Amino acid sequence: MTGEEIRALRKKHKMTLYKLSQKIGVVPSTIYSWENNVHPISKRYIPRIRAIFNIQKTDEERREKWLERKEIRDALADIGDERIAHLDDNDPRLIRLQKAVGAK
């Protein structure tokens, strides 16, 4: 979701920056910074924005989420019963898990 999309949705629904910021739980300047590409939209607010404007996830977004989950499950399956804390930092299984969860 882009700032331009948020602005278009807000205007389409005749909603002020202030009103949208109240609904999302941020200050109006945050909405302004998103709409003007000053700051990126934090992923944690996207579900709230979607709910406010009743927007469903696209098939591509659902697929991406499924792939992320599958990568994490596969990485954990490789580790098996071994404790993650006991793995060496250079262990390929740990590196794969870190990549899957976005830690590296």
C-alpha atoms as a PDB file:
ATOM      1  CA  MET A   1       0.000   0.000   0.000  1.00  0.00           C
ATOM      2  CA  THR A   2       1.375   3.382  -0.969  1.00  0.00           C
ATOM      3  CA  GLY A   3       0.880   6.867   0.386  1.00  0.00           C
ATOM      4  CA  GLU A   4      -0.881   7.826  -2.826  1.00  0.00           C
ATOM      5  CA  GLU A   5      -3.349   4.990  -2.330  1.00  0.00           C
ATOM      6  CA  ILE A   6      -4.050   6.091   1.234  1.00  0.00           C
ATOM      7  CA  ARG A   7      -4.649   9.671   0.094  1.00  0.00           C
ATOM      8  CA  ALA A   8      -6.989   8.492  -2.672  1.00  0.00           C
ATOM      9  CA  LEU A   9      -8.945   6.288  -0.256  1.00  0.00           C
ATOM     10  CA  ARG A  10      -9.148   9.047   2.329  1.00  0.00           C
ATOM     11  CA  LYS A  11     -10.416  11.549  -0.229  1.00  0.00           C
ATOM     12  CA  LYS A  12     -12.827   9.027  -1.768  1.00  0.00           C
ATOM     13  CA  HIS A  13     -14.336   8.448   1.687  1.00  0.00           C
ATOM     14  CA  LYS A  14     -14.270  12.201   2.442  1.00  0.00           C
ATOM     15  CA  MET A  15     -12.096  11.655   5.502  1.00  0.00           C
ATOM     16  CA  THR A  16      -9.744  14.252   6.948  1.00  0.00           C
ATOM     17  CA  LEU A  17      -6.155  13.524   7.967  1.00  0.00           C
ATOM     18  CA  TYR A  18      -7.236  14.084  11.555  1.00  0.00           C
ATOM     19  CA  LYS A  19     -10.153  11.626  11.378  1.00  0.00           C
ATOM     20  CA  LEU A  20      -8.069   8.911   9.722  1.00  0.00           C
ATOM     21  CA  SER A  21      -5.255   9.409  12.211  1.00  0.00           C
ATOM     22  CA  GLN A  22      -7.726   8.955  15.082  1.00  0.00           C
ATOM     23  CA  LYS A  23      -9.039   5.725  13.578  1.00  0.00           C
ATOM     24  CA  ILE A  24      -5.546   4.339  13.005  1.00  0.00           C
ATOM     25  CA  GLY A  25      -4.114   5.582  16.297  1.00  0.00           C
ATOM     26  CA  VAL A  26      -1.381   7.889  15.008  1.00  0.00           C
ATOM     27  CA  VAL A  27      -0.901  11.651  14.854  1.00  0.00           C
ATOM     28  CA  PRO A  28      -2.078  13.477  11.695  1.00  0.00           C
ATOM     29  CA  SER A  29       1.499  14.307  10.692  1.00  0.00           C
ATOM     30  CA  THR A  30       2.160  10.566  10.355  1.00  0.00           C
ATOM     31  CA  ILE A  31      -0.603  10.243   7.755  1.00  0.00           C
ATOM     32  CA  TYR A  32       0.743  13.334   6.007  1.00  0.00           C
ATOM     33  CA  SER A  33       4.253  11.849   5.891  1.00  0.00           C
ATOM     34  CA  TRP A  34       2.906   8.594   4.408  1.00  0.00           C
ATOM     35  CA  GLU A  35       0.837  10.369   1.778  1.00  0.00           C
ATOM     36  CA  ASN A  36       3.778  12.550   0.746  1.00  0.00           C
ATOM     37  CA  ASN A  37       6.334   9.721   0.809  1.00  0.00           C
ATOM     38  CA  VAL A  38       8.339  11.333   3.594  1.00  0.00           C
ATOM     39  CA  HIS A  39       8.254   8.094   5.587  1.00  0.00           C
ATOM     40  CA  PRO A  40       7.247   4.565   4.576  1.00  0.00           C
ATOM     41  CA  ILE A  41       4.049   3.101   5.975  1.00  0.00           C
ATOM     42  CA  SER A  42       4.784   0.754   8.846  1.00  0.00           C
ATOM     43  CA  LYS A  43       3.495  -2.745   8.111  1.00  0.00           C
ATOM     44  CA  ARG A  44       1.754  -2.867  11.467  1.00  0.00           C
ATOM     45  CA  TYR A  45      -0.720  -0.156  10.368  1.00  0.00           C
ATOM     46  CA  ILE A  46      -1.691  -1.697   7.042  1.00  0.00           C
ATOM     47  CA  PRO A  47      -4.267  -4.128   8.542  1.00  0.00           C
ATOM     48  CA  ARG A  48      -5.918  -1.200  10.344  1.00  0.00           C
ATOM     49  CA  ILE A  49      -6.022   0.860   7.151  1.00  0.00           C
ATOM     50  CA  ARG A  50      -7.475  -2.077   5.221  1.00  0.00           C
ATOM     51  CA  ALA A  51     -10.152  -2.561   7.873  1.00  0.00           C
ATOM     52  CA  ILE A  52     -11.098   1.122   7.902  1.00  0.00           C
ATOM     53  CA  PHE A  53     -11.582   1.168   4.145  1.00  0.00           C
ATOM     54  CA  ASN A  54     -12.818  -2.450   3.909  1.00  0.00           C
ATOM     55  CA  ILE A  55     -10.005  -3.589   1.598  1.00  0.00           C
ATOM     56  CA  GLN A  56      -9.208  -7.277   1.191  1.00  0.00           C
ATOM     57  CA  LYS A  57      -5.723  -8.679   0.633  1.00  0.00           C
ATOM     58  CA  THR A  58      -4.774  -9.393  -2.958  1.00  0.00           C
ATOM     59  CA  ASP A  59      -3.992 -12.926  -4.118  1.00  0.00           C
ATOM     60  CA  GLU A  60      -0.344 -11.922  -4.469  1.00  0.00           C
ATOM     61  CA  GLU A  61      -0.196 -10.722  -0.856  1.00  0.00           C
ATOM     62  CA  ARG A  62      -1.811 -13.945   0.354  1.00  0.00           C
ATOM     63  CA  ARG A  63       0.719 -15.977  -1.644  1.00  0.00           C
ATOM     64  CA  GLU A  64       3.653 -13.964  -0.250  1.00  0.00           C
ATOM     65  CA  LYS A  65       2.432 -14.545   3.307  1.00  0.00           C
ATOM     66  CA  TRP A  66       1.979 -18.268   2.645  1.00  0.00           C
ATOM     67  CA  LEU A  67       5.498 -18.506   1.188  1.00  0.00           C
ATOM     68  CA  GLU A  68       6.940 -16.711   4.233  1.00  0.00           C
ATOM     69  CA  ARG A  69       5.218 -19.168   6.553  1.00  0.00           C
ATOM     70  CA  LYS A  70       6.331 -22.142   4.451  1.00  0.00           C
ATOM     71  CA  GLU A  71       9.955 -20.940   4.491  1.00  0.00           C
ATOM     72  CA  ILE A  72       9.848 -20.618   8.278  1.00  0.00           C
ATOM     73  CA  ARG A  73       8.234 -24.057   8.711  1.00  0.00           C
ATOM     74  CA  ASP A  74      10.785 -25.646   6.374  1.00  0.00           C
ATOM     75  CA  ALA A  75      13.688 -23.965   8.180  1.00  0.00           C
ATOM     76  CA  LEU A  76      12.360 -25.141  11.548  1.00  0.00           C
ATOM     77  CA  ALA A  77      11.890 -28.662  10.195  1.00  0.00           C
ATOM     78  CA  ASP A  78      15.566 -28.697   9.189  1.00  0.00           C
ATOM     79  CA  ILE A  79      16.547 -27.786  12.749  1.00  0.00           C
ATOM     80  CA  GLY A  80      14.264 -30.451  14.183  1.00  0.00           C
ATOM     81  CA  ASP A  81      14.430 -31.061  17.934  1.00  0.00           C
ATOM     82  CA  GLU A  82      17.732 -29.248  18.379  1.00  0.00           C
ATOM     83  CA  ARG A  83      17.575 -26.058  20.405  1.00  0.00           C
ATOM     84  CA  ILE A  84      18.038 -22.955  18.289  1.00  0.00           C
ATOM     85  CA  ALA A  85      20.091 -21.333  21.050  1.00  0.00           C
ATOM     86  CA  HIS A  86      22.613 -24.178  20.772  1.00  0.00           C
ATOM     87  CA  LEU A  87      23.221 -23.681  17.056  1.00  0.00           C
ATOM     88  CA  ASP A  88      26.455 -22.057  15.932  1.00  0.00           C
ATOM     89  CA  ASP A  89      26.021 -18.616  14.321  1.00  0.00           C
ATOM     90  CA  ASN A  90      27.454 -20.020  11.064  1.00  0.00           C
ATOM     91  CA  ASP A  91      25.169 -23.070  10.998  1.00  0.00           C
ATOM     92  CA  PRO A  92      23.365 -23.009   7.621  1.00  0.00           C
ATOM     93  CA  ARG A  93      20.120 -24.112   9.296  1.00  0.00           C
ATOM     94  CA  LEU A  94      20.203 -21.100  11.604  1.00  0.00           C
ATOM     95  CA  ILE A  95      21.090 -18.766   8.743  1.00  0.00           C
ATOM     96  CA  ARG A  96      18.167 -20.137   6.714  1.00  0.00           C
ATOM     97  CA  LEU A  97      15.779 -19.573   9.628  1.00  0.00           C
ATOM     98  CA  GLN A  98      17.077 -16.037  10.180  1.00  0.00           C
ATOM     99  CA  LYS A  99      16.503 -15.212   6.519  1.00  0.00           C
ATOM    100  CA  ALA A 100      13.011 -16.733   6.617  1.00  0.00           C
ATOM    101  CA  VAL A 101      11.969 -14.526   9.534  1.00  0.00           C
ATOM    102  CA  GLY A 102      13.721 -11.469   8.110  1.00  0.00           C
ATOM    103  CA  ALA A 103      16.449 -11.278  10.738  1.00  0.00           C
ATOM    104  CA  LYS A 104      19.282 -11.262   8.179  1.00  0.00           C
END
